């Protein structure tokens, strides 16, 4: 999806989980909500909703 190494992708997910934990959310190692990831790294909310509605 991002064209990066697995190690860098894992670091990005760990960073997202750390931010979510700071904000008081419970996290699962290796998983991040699509909406949060899209907003943090791509700056959008709406596109995720459109993709979910289209069944992509």
N, C-alpha and C. Protein backbone atom coordinates (compact mmCIF):
# COMPACT_ATOMS: atom_id res chain seq x y z
N UNK A 1 0.81 -1.19 0.00
CA UNK A 1 0.00 0.00 0.00
C UNK A 1 0.86 1.26 0.00
N UNK A 2 1.88 1.31 0.81
CA UNK A 2 2.70 2.51 0.91
C UNK A 2 4.01 2.42 0.15
N UNK A 3 4.40 1.23 -0.27
CA UNK A 3 5.66 1.05 -0.98
C UNK A 3 6.87 1.20 -0.08
N UNK A 4 6.77 0.74 1.17
CA UNK A 4 7.87 0.83 2.12
C UNK A 4 8.18 -0.55 2.67
N UNK A 5 9.29 -0.66 3.38
CA UNK A 5 9.68 -1.96 3.95
C UNK A 5 8.74 -2.35 5.09
N UNK A 6 8.71 -3.65 5.38
CA UNK A 6 7.87 -4.14 6.48
C UNK A 6 8.31 -3.54 7.81
N UNK A 7 9.62 -3.39 7.99
CA UNK A 7 10.13 -2.81 9.23
C UNK A 7 9.67 -1.38 9.44
N UNK A 8 9.70 -0.60 8.37
CA UNK A 8 9.24 0.79 8.48
C UNK A 8 7.72 0.84 8.70
N UNK A 9 6.98 -0.05 8.05
CA UNK A 9 5.53 -0.11 8.24
C UNK A 9 5.20 -0.46 9.69
N UNK A 10 5.93 -1.41 10.26
CA UNK A 10 5.70 -1.78 11.66
C UNK A 10 5.99 -0.61 12.60
N UNK A 11 7.04 0.15 12.29
CA UNK A 11 7.37 1.32 13.10
C UNK A 11 6.25 2.36 13.02
N UNK A 12 5.66 2.53 11.84
CA UNK A 12 4.55 3.47 11.68
C UNK A 12 3.35 3.02 12.50
N UNK A 13 3.08 1.72 12.50
CA UNK A 13 1.94 1.20 13.27
C UNK A 13 2.19 1.36 14.76
N UNK A 14 3.42 1.07 15.21
CA UNK A 14 3.76 1.28 16.63
C UNK A 14 3.59 2.73 17.02
N UNK A 15 3.99 3.65 16.14
CA UNK A 15 3.82 5.08 16.39
C UNK A 15 2.34 5.44 16.52
N UNK A 16 1.52 4.90 15.64
CA UNK A 16 0.08 5.15 15.71
C UNK A 16 -0.51 4.60 17.01
N UNK A 17 -0.10 3.39 17.38
CA UNK A 17 -0.61 2.79 18.62
C UNK A 17 -0.19 3.61 19.84
N UNK A 18 1.04 4.13 19.83
CA UNK A 18 1.51 4.96 20.95
C UNK A 18 0.66 6.22 21.06
N UNK A 19 0.36 6.86 19.93
CA UNK A 19 -0.48 8.06 19.94
C UNK A 19 -1.88 7.75 20.44
N UNK A 20 -2.45 6.64 19.98
CA UNK A 20 -3.79 6.26 20.43
C UNK A 20 -3.80 5.98 21.93
N UNK A 21 -2.76 5.32 22.45
CA UNK A 21 -2.68 5.05 23.88
C UNK A 21 -2.57 6.34 24.68
N UNK A 22 -1.80 7.31 24.17
CA UNK A 22 -1.69 8.61 24.85
C UNK A 22 -3.04 9.30 24.92
N UNK A 23 -3.86 9.09 23.89
CA UNK A 23 -5.19 9.70 23.85
C UNK A 23 -6.21 8.92 24.66
N UNK A 24 -5.78 7.80 25.28
CA UNK A 24 -6.66 7.05 26.16
C UNK A 24 -7.39 5.88 25.52
N UNK A 25 -7.01 5.52 24.29
CA UNK A 25 -7.66 4.39 23.62
C UNK A 25 -6.93 3.09 23.93
N UNK A 26 -7.66 2.00 23.90
CA UNK A 26 -7.05 0.68 23.99
C UNK A 26 -6.57 0.29 22.60
N UNK A 27 -5.43 -0.37 22.51
CA UNK A 27 -4.88 -0.73 21.21
C UNK A 27 -4.59 -2.22 21.15
N UNK A 28 -4.48 -2.73 19.93
CA UNK A 28 -4.09 -4.10 19.67
C UNK A 28 -2.80 -4.03 18.86
N UNK A 29 -1.77 -4.73 19.30
CA UNK A 29 -0.48 -4.69 18.61
C UNK A 29 -0.64 -5.09 17.15
N UNK A 30 -0.06 -4.28 16.27
CA UNK A 30 -0.08 -4.59 14.84
C UNK A 30 -1.33 -4.16 14.11
N UNK A 31 -2.26 -3.50 14.81
CA UNK A 31 -3.49 -3.06 14.16
C UNK A 31 -3.77 -1.60 14.51
N UNK A 32 -4.27 -0.88 13.51
CA UNK A 32 -4.63 0.52 13.68
C UNK A 32 -5.93 0.77 12.91
N UNK A 33 -6.86 1.53 13.46
CA UNK A 33 -8.08 1.84 12.71
C UNK A 33 -7.76 2.55 11.39
N UNK A 34 -8.44 2.14 10.31
CA UNK A 34 -8.20 2.73 8.98
C UNK A 34 -8.38 4.24 8.99
N UNK A 35 -9.41 4.69 9.66
CA UNK A 35 -9.71 6.11 9.67
C UNK A 35 -8.58 6.92 10.32
N UNK A 36 -8.06 6.42 11.44
CA UNK A 36 -6.97 7.10 12.14
C UNK A 36 -5.72 7.12 11.26
N UNK A 37 -5.38 5.99 10.65
CA UNK A 37 -4.20 5.89 9.80
C UNK A 37 -4.30 6.84 8.60
N UNK A 38 -5.48 6.85 7.96
CA UNK A 38 -5.68 7.72 6.82
C UNK A 38 -5.55 9.19 7.17
N UNK A 39 -6.08 9.56 8.32
CA UNK A 39 -6.01 10.96 8.74
C UNK A 39 -4.58 11.35 9.11
N UNK A 40 -3.88 10.48 9.82
CA UNK A 40 -2.52 10.79 10.28
C UNK A 40 -1.52 10.88 9.12
N UNK A 41 -1.57 9.94 8.19
CA UNK A 41 -0.55 9.89 7.15
C UNK A 41 -0.98 10.48 5.81
N UNK A 42 -2.27 10.55 5.55
CA UNK A 42 -2.72 11.06 4.26
C UNK A 42 -3.57 12.31 4.39
N UNK A 43 -4.04 12.63 5.61
CA UNK A 43 -4.79 13.84 5.86
C UNK A 43 -6.23 13.83 5.39
N UNK A 44 -6.84 12.65 5.34
CA UNK A 44 -8.25 12.61 4.93
C UNK A 44 -9.07 11.71 5.82
N UNK A 45 -10.36 12.00 5.87
CA UNK A 45 -11.34 11.18 6.58
C UNK A 45 -12.36 10.63 5.60
N UNK A 46 -12.81 11.47 4.67
CA UNK A 46 -13.92 11.13 3.80
C UNK A 46 -13.63 9.98 2.85
N UNK A 47 -12.41 9.89 2.31
CA UNK A 47 -12.10 8.87 1.31
C UNK A 47 -12.28 7.46 1.88
N UNK A 48 -11.93 7.24 3.13
CA UNK A 48 -12.10 5.93 3.75
C UNK A 48 -13.58 5.56 3.77
N UNK A 49 -14.43 6.50 4.11
CA UNK A 49 -15.87 6.25 4.14
C UNK A 49 -16.37 5.86 2.75
N UNK A 50 -15.93 6.58 1.72
CA UNK A 50 -16.36 6.29 0.35
C UNK A 50 -15.91 4.90 -0.08
N UNK A 51 -14.68 4.51 0.27
CA UNK A 51 -14.19 3.17 -0.09
C UNK A 51 -14.99 2.09 0.61
N UNK A 52 -15.32 2.30 1.88
CA UNK A 52 -16.09 1.32 2.63
C UNK A 52 -17.48 1.15 2.01
N UNK A 53 -18.09 2.25 1.60
CA UNK A 53 -19.41 2.20 0.98
C UNK A 53 -19.37 1.49 -0.37
N UNK A 54 -18.26 1.61 -1.09
CA UNK A 54 -18.15 1.02 -2.42
C UNK A 54 -17.78 -0.46 -2.34
N UNK A 55 -17.43 -0.93 -1.16
CA UNK A 55 -17.07 -2.34 -0.97
C UNK A 55 -15.64 -2.64 -1.39
N UNK A 56 -14.80 -1.63 -1.41
CA UNK A 56 -13.39 -1.81 -1.80
C UNK A 56 -12.58 -2.25 -0.61
